[in-house]
Amino acid sequence: MTAINAPRDKYNSVWLIFFILGLGSLLPWNFFMTATMYFTSRLKDSNQTANETAGDSRNVLESKFNNVMTLCAMVPLLIFTCLNSFIHQRIPQKLRISGSLTVILVVFLVTAVVVKVELAPLPFFVLTMVKIVCINSFGAIFQSSLFGLAGILPASYTTPIMSGQGLAGTFAAFSMICALASGSELQDSAFGYFITACVVILLAIMSYLTLPKMEFFQYCMESSRCAPSADEENKMDLLKKESEAEKRPVVNLMEDETKPTSSVLNIFKQIWVMALSVCFIFTVTIGVFPAVTVDVKSTVADGGVWEKYFIPVSCFLLFNVMDWAGRSLTAVCMWPGKDSIWLPILVGLRVVFIPLFMLCNVQPRVISQTVWFSHDAWYIIFMILFSFSNGYLASLCMCFGPKKVSQHEAETAGAIMAFFLSLGLALGAAVSFGFRAAI
């Protein structure tokens, strides 16, 4: 990338394509997550209203929907991201990315059709979970391949992916609020909601198909292919220092021959701080969002409009807007640096958000009746700090990871980083059951 005659990214077209692909990578999951009102409305029993009590009036399917949905999303995401880390060199990149997007598009079309089909609560619940598993399985392959692809380009090209992912949540939350405000029937709104997602995914497919035609992208790919392998680098080092062989102990020669290669383990040894940091970030985030945060009730609203929009605005929209802001900030500011001790320290400090949200007005409460932060303002402040730090720190880690290794190892490093991101999501989904049950 240092050649004088290297082509430029005209009109930032490659940057914009990666932004659209980042948008498409998380849009499916965010559309399912923010459509919980639609899904839970279809899980109600026909005679449930007459049997409501003063306690938690939700049936089993409704009460467990958020936790099971998160688990069905994150476990396949982890498994297939791990799988992609090892098979990405055996399956063509074009097949992995375009094929995954096509499957996701088909699943969303099916979801839109099902909106108009009457189903009993249990079959609808099972079908929804199957679709979530499919979307996140292929989404994992797409996301991991995308970060691996971005690892070949300059570090700044990971930022549009992270920013696009942040916009995906914002777009989904805003679409849900518009659907609520339209006054249409919930199922009619949901149909338009899922069709909108299909259009965006189709746009992502078209954008990816134009990427190989970009001169700047072609140059980056050729530069990556021409990068010497680790074995070639070892041989060049040995030839360069051959004249000094008599002065060098045998043990040093052996060390030179055993330089880190492109194996997954050796690359992980170079990026483990970034990998574990991004894993911890998303373990904390998914541990409480949305399993805990979605059950916080407003103490200001009293049956008015704010009560209807409190969770859509204060939970989903606010989280995604600030997460997007945090991810996008790395385009102009990348502090602390990739070797700074402050980065893992700031990541570790995010654990404080777990008790803070649990002490908000989460309802219903079974074990602990203690609410320290009952006012809506506390919840909103925590959500702003929580989501902004998630976006900013995660984006830093994902940008720095592939840049701590040599260029020919960057794609594998990007895939490893995507795996640990998914590991954090899966761990967060698992611990979310415990966090919610402890309230």
Protein backbone atom coordinates (compact mmCIF):
# COMPACT_ATOMS: atom_id res chain seq x y z
CA MET A 1 0.00 0.00 0.00
CA THR A 2 3.08 2.28 -0.03
CA ALA A 3 3.67 2.22 -3.77
CA ILE A 4 3.78 5.67 -5.35
CA ASN A 5 1.55 4.62 -8.23
CA ALA A 6 -1.09 2.99 -6.03
CA PRO A 7 -4.61 3.89 -7.22
CA ARG A 8 -6.89 5.95 -5.01
CA ASP A 9 -10.35 5.03 -3.79
CA LYS A 10 -12.25 7.31 -6.15
CA TYR A 11 -15.30 8.96 -4.57
CA ASN A 12 -14.73 6.66 -1.55
CA SER A 13 -16.68 4.05 -3.49
CA VAL A 14 -14.95 1.05 -1.86
CA TRP A 15 -15.46 2.66 1.57
CA LEU A 16 -19.17 3.10 0.82
CA ILE A 17 -19.50 -0.49 -0.39
CA PHE A 18 -17.98 -1.78 2.85
CA PHE A 19 -20.38 0.49 4.75
CA ILE A 20 -23.36 -1.06 2.92
CA LEU A 21 -22.00 -4.57 3.51
CA GLY A 22 -21.57 -3.74 7.20
CA LEU A 23 -25.17 -2.55 7.23
CA GLY A 24 -26.28 -5.82 5.64
CA SER A 25 -24.27 -7.97 8.05
CA LEU A 26 -26.21 -6.96 11.19
CA LEU A 27 -29.48 -5.72 9.74
CA PRO A 28 -31.16 -9.19 9.75
CA TRP A 29 -30.46 -9.81 13.44
CA ASN A 30 -31.44 -6.26 14.43
CA PHE A 31 -34.73 -6.48 12.54
CA PHE A 32 -35.62 -9.68 14.38
CA MET A 33 -34.50 -8.29 17.74
CA THR A 34 -36.44 -5.02 17.45
CA ALA A 35 -39.58 -6.80 16.19
CA THR A 36 -40.15 -8.47 19.57
CA MET A 37 -43.52 -6.71 19.98
CA TYR A 38 -44.78 -8.36 16.79
CA PHE A 39 -43.40 -11.78 17.69
CA THR A 40 -44.67 -11.80 21.27
CA SER A 41 -48.11 -10.57 20.14
CA ARG A 42 -48.44 -13.73 18.07
CA LEU A 43 -47.44 -15.90 21.02
CA LYS A 44 -50.38 -14.89 23.20
CA ASP A 45 -52.97 -17.53 24.04
CA SER A 46 -56.48 -16.81 22.81
CA ASN A 47 -57.84 -16.79 26.37
CA GLN A 48 -54.81 -15.14 27.95
CA THR A 49 -56.38 -11.72 28.53
CA ALA A 50 -59.16 -13.16 30.66
CA ASN A 51 -56.67 -15.04 32.84
CA GLU A 52 -54.26 -12.18 33.55
CA THR A 53 -53.26 -11.75 37.18
CA ALA A 54 -51.48 -9.09 39.13
CA GLY A 55 -48.15 -10.85 38.58
CA ASP A 56 -46.37 -11.68 35.33
CA SER A 57 -49.31 -12.31 32.98
CA ARG A 58 -47.14 -13.54 30.11
CA ASN A 59 -47.23 -17.19 29.12
CA VAL A 60 -44.06 -19.31 28.99
CA LEU A 61 -43.40 -18.65 25.30
CA GLU A 62 -43.68 -14.89 25.77
CA SER A 63 -41.59 -14.70 28.93
CA LYS A 64 -38.74 -16.79 27.51
CA PHE A 65 -38.82 -15.39 23.97
CA ASN A 66 -36.03 -12.80 24.38
CA ASN A 67 -33.64 -15.21 26.10
CA VAL A 68 -34.28 -18.10 23.71
CA MET A 69 -34.08 -15.78 20.70
CA THR A 70 -30.70 -14.47 21.84
CA LEU A 71 -29.39 -17.98 22.49
CA CYS A 72 -30.62 -19.29 19.12
CA ALA A 73 -28.87 -16.36 17.47
CA MET A 74 -25.53 -16.35 19.26
CA VAL A 75 -24.71 -20.08 19.44
CA PRO A 76 -24.95 -20.63 15.64
CA LEU A 77 -23.11 -17.34 15.17
CA LEU A 78 -20.24 -18.66 17.28
CA ILE A 79 -20.14 -22.12 15.67
CA PHE A 80 -20.19 -20.90 12.08
CA THR A 81 -17.74 -18.05 12.73
CA CYS A 82 -15.34 -20.62 14.18
CA LEU A 83 -15.95 -22.88 11.19
CA ASN A 84 -15.27 -20.05 8.77
CA SER A 85 -11.95 -19.31 10.50
CA PHE A 86 -10.67 -22.71 9.37
CA ILE A 87 -12.41 -23.19 6.00
CA HIS A 88 -12.20 -19.66 4.56
CA GLN A 89 -9.18 -20.66 2.48
CA ARG A 90 -10.99 -23.69 1.01
CA ILE A 91 -14.28 -22.06 -0.03
CA PRO A 92 -14.18 -19.13 -2.51
CA GLN A 93 -14.82 -15.76 -0.91
CA LYS A 94 -17.47 -14.87 -3.50
CA LEU A 95 -19.48 -18.00 -2.66
CA ARG A 96 -19.25 -17.39 1.09
CA ILE A 97 -20.41 -13.77 0.93
CA SER A 98 -22.93 -13.72 -1.93
CA GLY A 99 -24.28 -17.16 -1.02
CA SER A 100 -24.86 -16.17 2.61
CA LEU A 101 -26.62 -12.95 1.64
CA THR A 102 -28.87 -14.85 -0.77
CA VAL A 103 -29.95 -17.32 1.93
CA ILE A 104 -30.66 -14.46 4.35
CA LEU A 105 -32.76 -12.72 1.70
CA VAL A 106 -34.83 -15.88 1.17
CA VAL A 107 -35.41 -16.25 4.93
CA PHE A 108 -36.67 -12.67 5.18
CA LEU A 109 -39.02 -13.20 2.26
CA VAL A 110 -40.41 -16.24 4.08
CA THR A 111 -40.75 -14.15 7.27
CA ALA A 112 -42.72 -11.50 5.39
CA VAL A 113 -45.05 -14.17 3.96
CA VAL A 114 -45.58 -15.78 7.38
CA VAL A 115 -46.89 -12.42 8.66
CA LYS A 116 -50.02 -13.06 6.58
CA VAL A 117 -50.33 -16.73 7.62
CA GLU A 118 -52.23 -17.80 10.76
CA LEU A 119 -50.22 -20.12 13.02
CA ALA A 120 -50.70 -21.42 16.55
CA PRO A 121 -48.30 -19.93 19.15
CA LEU A 122 -46.05 -23.01 19.50
CA PRO A 123 -45.49 -23.67 15.76
CA PHE A 124 -44.90 -19.94 15.23
CA PHE A 125 -42.37 -19.90 18.08
CA VAL A 126 -40.48 -22.91 16.66
CA LEU A 127 -40.52 -21.53 13.10
CA THR A 128 -39.25 -18.16 14.31
CA MET A 129 -36.35 -19.78 16.17
CA VAL A 130 -35.45 -21.90 13.12
CA LYS A 131 -35.32 -18.75 10.99
CA ILE A 132 -33.14 -17.02 13.59
CA VAL A 133 -30.75 -19.98 13.57
CA CYS A 134 -30.54 -19.86 9.74
CA ILE A 135 -30.02 -16.10 9.59
CA ASN A 136 -27.26 -16.10 12.18
CA SER A 137 -25.53 -19.20 10.79
CA PHE A 138 -25.14 -17.67 7.34
CA GLY A 139 -24.73 -14.21 8.84
CA ALA A 140 -21.72 -15.52 10.77
CA ILE A 141 -20.06 -16.75 7.57
CA PHE A 142 -20.81 -13.44 5.88
CA GLN A 143 -19.60 -11.28 8.79
CA SER A 144 -16.42 -13.29 9.36
CA SER A 145 -15.60 -13.28 5.63
CA LEU A 146 -16.25 -9.53 5.49
CA PHE A 147 -13.87 -8.73 8.35
CA GLY A 148 -11.28 -11.02 6.79
CA LEU A 149 -11.66 -9.19 3.49
CA ALA A 150 -11.34 -5.80 5.20
CA GLY A 151 -8.17 -6.99 6.92
CA ILE A 152 -6.44 -6.97 3.53
CA LEU A 153 -7.24 -3.27 3.05
CA PRO A 154 -5.92 -0.36 5.16
CA ALA A 155 -7.08 -0.23 8.79
CA SER A 156 -9.53 2.59 8.01
CA TYR A 157 -11.64 0.19 5.94
CA THR A 158 -12.74 -1.75 9.01
CA THR A 159 -14.41 1.42 10.30
CA PRO A 160 -17.15 1.50 7.59
CA ILE A 161 -18.09 -2.09 8.45
CA MET A 162 -18.44 -1.26 12.14
CA SER A 163 -20.25 1.98 11.32
CA GLY A 164 -22.60 0.19 8.93
CA GLN A 165 -23.36 -2.39 11.61
CA GLY A 166 -24.19 0.43 14.01
CA LEU A 167 -26.52 2.01 11.45
CA ALA A 168 -28.22 -1.38 11.00
CA GLY A 169 -29.52 -1.26 14.56
CA THR A 170 -30.50 2.40 14.27
CA PHE A 171 -32.32 1.77 11.00
CA ALA A 172 -34.17 -1.22 12.46
CA ALA A 173 -35.21 0.65 15.61
CA PHE A 174 -36.32 3.71 13.64
CA SER A 175 -38.32 1.50 11.25
CA MET A 176 -40.07 -0.12 14.22
CA ILE A 177 -40.98 3.27 15.73
CA CYS A 178 -42.34 4.45 12.36
CA ALA A 179 -44.42 1.28 12.16
CA LEU A 180 -45.86 1.96 15.63
CA ALA A 181 -46.56 5.59 14.79
CA SER A 182 -48.32 4.73 11.53
CA GLY A 183 -51.39 3.54 13.43
CA SER A 184 -51.61 0.46 11.22
CA GLU A 185 -52.38 -2.97 12.54
CA LEU A 186 -49.29 -4.60 14.04
CA GLN A 187 -49.19 -7.38 11.44
CA ASP A 188 -49.55 -4.93 8.54
CA SER A 189 -46.69 -2.87 9.94
CA ALA A 190 -44.57 -5.99 10.37
CA PHE A 191 -45.07 -6.96 6.74
CA GLY A 192 -43.72 -3.63 5.50
CA TYR A 193 -40.98 -3.84 8.13
CA PHE A 194 -39.62 -7.16 6.81
CA ILE A 195 -40.01 -6.16 3.15
CA THR A 196 -37.83 -3.12 3.92
CA ALA A 197 -35.15 -5.47 5.25
CA CYS A 198 -35.32 -7.49 2.00
CA VAL A 199 -34.65 -4.35 -0.04
CA VAL A 200 -31.56 -3.46 2.03
CA ILE A 201 -30.15 -7.00 1.80
CA LEU A 202 -30.69 -6.96 -1.98
CA LEU A 203 -28.76 -3.67 -2.09
CA ALA A 204 -25.90 -5.32 -0.17
CA ILE A 205 -25.77 -8.17 -2.70
CA MET A 206 -25.60 -5.73 -5.62
CA SER A 207 -22.90 -3.68 -3.87
CA TYR A 208 -20.72 -6.72 -3.27
CA LEU A 209 -21.00 -7.80 -6.91
CA THR A 210 -19.64 -4.39 -8.01
CA LEU A 211 -16.69 -4.48 -5.57
CA PRO A 212 -14.29 -6.51 -7.79
CA LYS A 213 -14.68 -3.88 -10.53
CA MET A 214 -13.12 -1.18 -8.34
CA GLU A 215 -9.49 -0.43 -9.30
CA PHE A 216 -8.47 0.35 -5.71
CA PHE A 217 -9.90 -2.95 -4.45
CA GLN A 218 -8.18 -4.86 -7.27
CA TYR A 219 -4.85 -3.30 -6.31
CA CYS A 220 -5.27 -4.26 -2.64
CA MET A 221 -6.12 -7.85 -3.56
CA GLU A 222 -3.12 -8.13 -5.88
CA SER A 223 -0.84 -6.65 -3.20
CA SER A 224 -2.08 -9.26 -0.74
CA ARG A 225 -1.48 -12.12 -3.18
CA CYS A 226 2.01 -10.88 -3.92
CA ALA A 227 2.96 -10.60 -0.25
CA PRO A 228 5.67 -13.14 0.62
CA SER A 229 4.68 -16.10 2.74
CA ALA A 230 6.23 -16.66 6.14
CA ASP A 231 8.46 -19.44 4.75
CA GLU A 232 9.70 -17.15 1.97
CA GLU A 233 10.45 -14.44 4.51
CA ASN A 234 12.41 -16.95 6.59
CA LYS A 235 14.45 -18.00 3.57
CA MET A 236 15.20 -14.37 2.62
CA ASP A 237 16.31 -13.64 6.18
CA LEU A 238 18.59 -16.69 6.17
CA LEU A 239 20.15 -15.77 2.81
CA LYS A 240 20.62 -12.16 3.91
CA LYS A 241 22.47 -13.23 7.05
CA GLU A 242 24.31 -16.20 5.56
CA SER A 243 27.64 -14.36 5.71
CA GLU A 244 27.26 -14.05 9.47
CA ALA A 245 26.49 -17.73 10.00
CA GLU A 246 29.82 -18.49 11.66
CA LYS A 247 29.24 -15.76 14.26
CA ARG A 248 25.75 -16.94 15.13
CA PRO A 249 25.06 -19.74 17.61
CA VAL A 250 23.13 -22.71 16.27
CA VAL A 251 20.22 -21.96 18.59
CA ASN A 252 19.64 -18.59 16.90
CA LEU A 253 19.52 -20.24 13.52
CA MET A 254 16.88 -22.61 14.82
CA GLU A 255 14.87 -19.70 16.21
CA ASP A 256 15.02 -18.03 12.82
CA GLU A 257 13.67 -21.13 11.19
CA THR A 258 10.77 -21.28 13.60
CA LYS A 259 9.38 -17.79 13.08
CA PRO A 260 5.61 -17.50 13.44
CA THR A 261 3.85 -18.90 10.40
CA SER A 262 0.35 -18.24 9.12
CA SER A 263 -1.21 -20.84 11.39
CA VAL A 264 -4.26 -19.77 13.38
CA LEU A 265 -2.47 -20.36 16.69
CA ASN A 266 0.55 -18.24 15.84
CA ILE A 267 -1.61 -15.39 14.57
CA PHE A 268 -3.76 -15.57 17.71
CA LYS A 269 -0.62 -15.18 19.85
CA GLN A 270 -0.08 -11.80 18.22
CA ILE A 271 -3.64 -10.49 18.57
CA TRP A 272 -4.89 -12.21 21.74
CA VAL A 273 -5.31 -8.95 23.68
CA MET A 274 -7.57 -7.48 20.99
CA ALA A 275 -9.41 -10.77 20.54
CA LEU A 276 -10.18 -11.23 24.24
CA SER A 277 -11.08 -7.55 24.59
CA VAL A 278 -13.72 -7.64 21.87
CA CYS A 279 -15.02 -10.90 23.33
CA PHE A 280 -15.46 -9.32 26.78
CA ILE A 281 -17.09 -6.20 25.32
CA PHE A 282 -19.90 -8.19 23.72
CA THR A 283 -20.26 -10.61 26.64
CA VAL A 284 -21.16 -7.65 28.85
CA THR A 285 -23.35 -6.04 26.19
CA ILE A 286 -25.45 -9.07 25.24
CA GLY A 287 -25.57 -10.17 28.87
CA VAL A 288 -27.95 -7.31 29.65
CA PHE A 289 -29.16 -6.09 26.24
CA PRO A 290 -31.94 -6.82 25.46
CA ALA A 291 -32.70 -9.55 28.06
CA VAL A 292 -32.59 -7.12 31.02
CA THR A 293 -32.90 -3.68 29.44
CA VAL A 294 -36.09 -4.49 27.52
CA ASP A 295 -37.97 -5.19 30.78
CA VAL A 296 -37.27 -1.80 32.37
CA LYS A 297 -40.53 0.07 32.96
CA SER A 298 -41.00 3.82 32.88
CA THR A 299 -41.80 5.48 36.20
CA VAL A 300 -42.58 8.84 34.56
CA ALA A 301 -45.24 7.74 32.09
CA ASP A 302 -48.68 6.94 33.41
CA GLY A 303 -50.40 5.12 30.59
CA GLY A 304 -49.59 7.89 28.08
CA VAL A 305 -47.73 7.99 24.78
CA TRP A 306 -44.30 7.87 26.49
CA GLU A 307 -45.11 4.49 28.00
CA LYS A 308 -45.80 3.10 24.53
CA TYR A 309 -42.55 4.47 23.10
CA PHE A 310 -40.30 4.17 26.18
CA ILE A 311 -38.59 0.88 25.25
CA PRO A 312 -38.53 1.43 21.46
CA VAL A 313 -36.91 4.86 21.96
CA SER A 314 -34.89 4.60 25.20
CA CYS A 315 -33.74 1.01 24.73
CA PHE A 316 -33.48 0.12 21.05
CA LEU A 317 -33.20 3.46 19.24
CA LEU A 318 -30.94 5.14 21.81
CA PHE A 319 -28.67 2.11 22.08
CA ASN A 320 -28.23 1.84 18.34
CA VAL A 321 -27.76 5.57 17.71
CA MET A 322 -25.04 5.87 20.36
CA ASP A 323 -23.46 2.54 19.33
CA TRP A 324 -23.32 3.87 15.77
CA ALA A 325 -21.79 7.13 17.00
CA GLY A 326 -19.13 5.22 18.90
CA ARG A 327 -18.27 3.01 15.93
CA SER A 328 -18.14 6.00 13.57
CA LEU A 329 -15.88 8.05 15.87
CA THR A 330 -12.99 5.70 15.13
CA ALA A 331 -12.88 7.20 11.62
CA VAL A 332 -11.40 10.39 13.13
CA CYS A 333 -10.06 9.28 16.52
CA MET A 334 -8.33 6.04 17.47
CA TRP A 335 -7.35 6.53 21.12
CA PRO A 336 -6.00 4.60 22.95
CA GLY A 337 -3.49 3.05 20.54
CA LYS A 338 -3.26 -0.64 19.64
CA ASP A 339 -0.42 -1.22 22.13
CA SER A 340 -1.81 0.93 24.96
CA ILE A 341 -2.70 -0.66 28.30
CA TRP A 342 -5.66 1.74 28.54
CA LEU A 343 -7.66 -0.15 25.92
CA PRO A 344 -8.07 -3.40 27.91
CA ILE A 345 -8.57 -1.36 31.10
CA LEU A 346 -11.47 0.60 29.56
CA VAL A 347 -12.91 -2.65 28.24
CA GLY A 348 -12.81 -4.21 31.72
CA LEU A 349 -14.50 -1.21 33.34
CA ARG A 350 -17.65 -1.84 31.29
CA VAL A 351 -18.59 -4.65 33.70
CA VAL A 352 -20.06 -1.96 35.97
CA PHE A 353 -23.05 -1.64 33.61
CA ILE A 354 -24.35 -5.08 34.62
CA PRO A 355 -25.33 -4.14 38.22
CA LEU A 356 -26.37 -0.63 37.11
CA PHE A 357 -29.04 -1.95 34.73
CA MET A 358 -30.13 -4.67 37.16
CA LEU A 359 -30.80 -1.96 39.77
CA CYS A 360 -33.02 0.01 37.38
CA ASN A 361 -36.80 -0.45 37.41
CA VAL A 362 -36.77 -3.92 35.80
CA GLN A 363 -40.19 -5.55 36.06
CA PRO A 364 -41.34 -8.09 37.05
CA ARG A 365 -38.85 -8.68 39.89
CA VAL A 366 -38.84 -12.06 41.63
CA ILE A 367 -35.72 -12.33 43.80
CA SER A 368 -34.65 -8.77 44.54
CA GLN A 369 -37.12 -5.93 45.07
CA THR A 370 -34.34 -3.33 45.36
CA VAL A 371 -34.53 -0.53 42.79
CA TRP A 372 -31.86 2.14 43.19
CA PHE A 373 -32.34 3.94 39.87
CA SER A 374 -36.08 4.18 39.37
CA HIS A 375 -36.25 7.42 37.39
CA ASP A 376 -36.20 7.14 33.59
CA ALA A 377 -33.30 9.62 33.40
CA TRP A 378 -30.91 7.18 35.11
CA TYR A 379 -31.76 4.44 32.64
CA ILE A 380 -31.23 6.80 29.69
CA ILE A 381 -27.85 8.01 31.02
CA PHE A 382 -26.65 4.44 31.57
CA MET A 383 -27.84 3.45 28.09
CA ILE A 384 -25.94 6.32 26.45
CA LEU A 385 -22.64 5.44 28.16
CA PHE A 386 -23.22 1.70 27.73
CA SER A 387 -23.93 1.84 23.99
CA PHE A 388 -21.32 4.47 23.07
CA SER A 389 -18.54 2.57 24.85
CA ASN A 390 -19.67 -0.66 23.19
CA GLY A 391 -19.43 0.82 19.70
CA TYR A 392 -16.20 2.77 20.18
CA LEU A 393 -14.15 0.13 22.00
CA ALA A 394 -15.37 -2.74 19.82
CA SER A 395 -14.53 -0.80 16.66
CA LEU A 396 -11.03 -0.02 17.97
CA CYS A 397 -10.36 -3.68 18.69
CA MET A 398 -11.65 -4.83 15.30
CA CYS A 399 -9.53 -2.19 13.51
CA PHE A 400 -6.35 -2.91 15.45
CA GLY A 401 -6.49 -6.73 15.42
CA PRO A 402 -5.59 -7.38 11.75
CA LYS A 403 -2.96 -4.62 11.84
CA LYS A 404 -0.89 -6.34 14.52
CA VAL A 405 0.14 -9.03 12.01
CA SER A 406 1.80 -8.98 8.60
CA GLN A 407 -0.30 -8.23 5.54
CA HIS A 408 -0.53 -11.81 4.26
CA GLU A 409 -1.89 -12.88 7.67
CA ALA A 410 -4.45 -10.07 7.89
CA GLU A 411 -7.40 -12.00 6.43
CA THR A 412 -6.95 -14.86 8.91
CA ALA A 413 -6.52 -12.34 11.75
CA GLY A 414 -9.76 -10.65 10.72
CA ALA A 415 -11.56 -14.00 10.75
CA ILE A 416 -10.15 -14.76 14.22
CA MET A 417 -11.33 -11.37 15.50
CA ALA A 418 -14.78 -12.06 14.09
CA PHE A 419 -14.79 -15.42 15.88
CA PHE A 420 -14.01 -13.83 19.25
CA LEU A 421 -16.65 -11.18 18.61
CA SER A 422 -19.13 -14.01 18.06
CA LEU A 423 -17.80 -15.85 21.13
CA GLY A 424 -18.57 -12.76 23.19
CA LEU A 425 -22.09 -12.64 21.76
CA ALA A 426 -22.65 -16.33 22.58
CA LEU A 427 -21.28 -16.00 26.12
CA GLY A 428 -23.43 -12.92 26.64
CA ALA A 429 -26.50 -14.82 25.48
CA ALA A 430 -25.71 -17.64 27.93
CA VAL A 431 -25.16 -15.40 30.97
CA SER A 432 -28.23 -13.28 30.12
CA PHE A 433 -30.43 -16.07 31.53
CA GLY A 434 -28.63 -15.79 34.87
CA PHE A 435 -28.72 -11.99 34.95
CA ARG A 436 -32.45 -11.87 34.25
CA ALA A 437 -33.22 -14.68 36.70
CA ALA A 438 -31.27 -12.90 39.44
CA ILE A 439 -33.65 -9.93 39.43
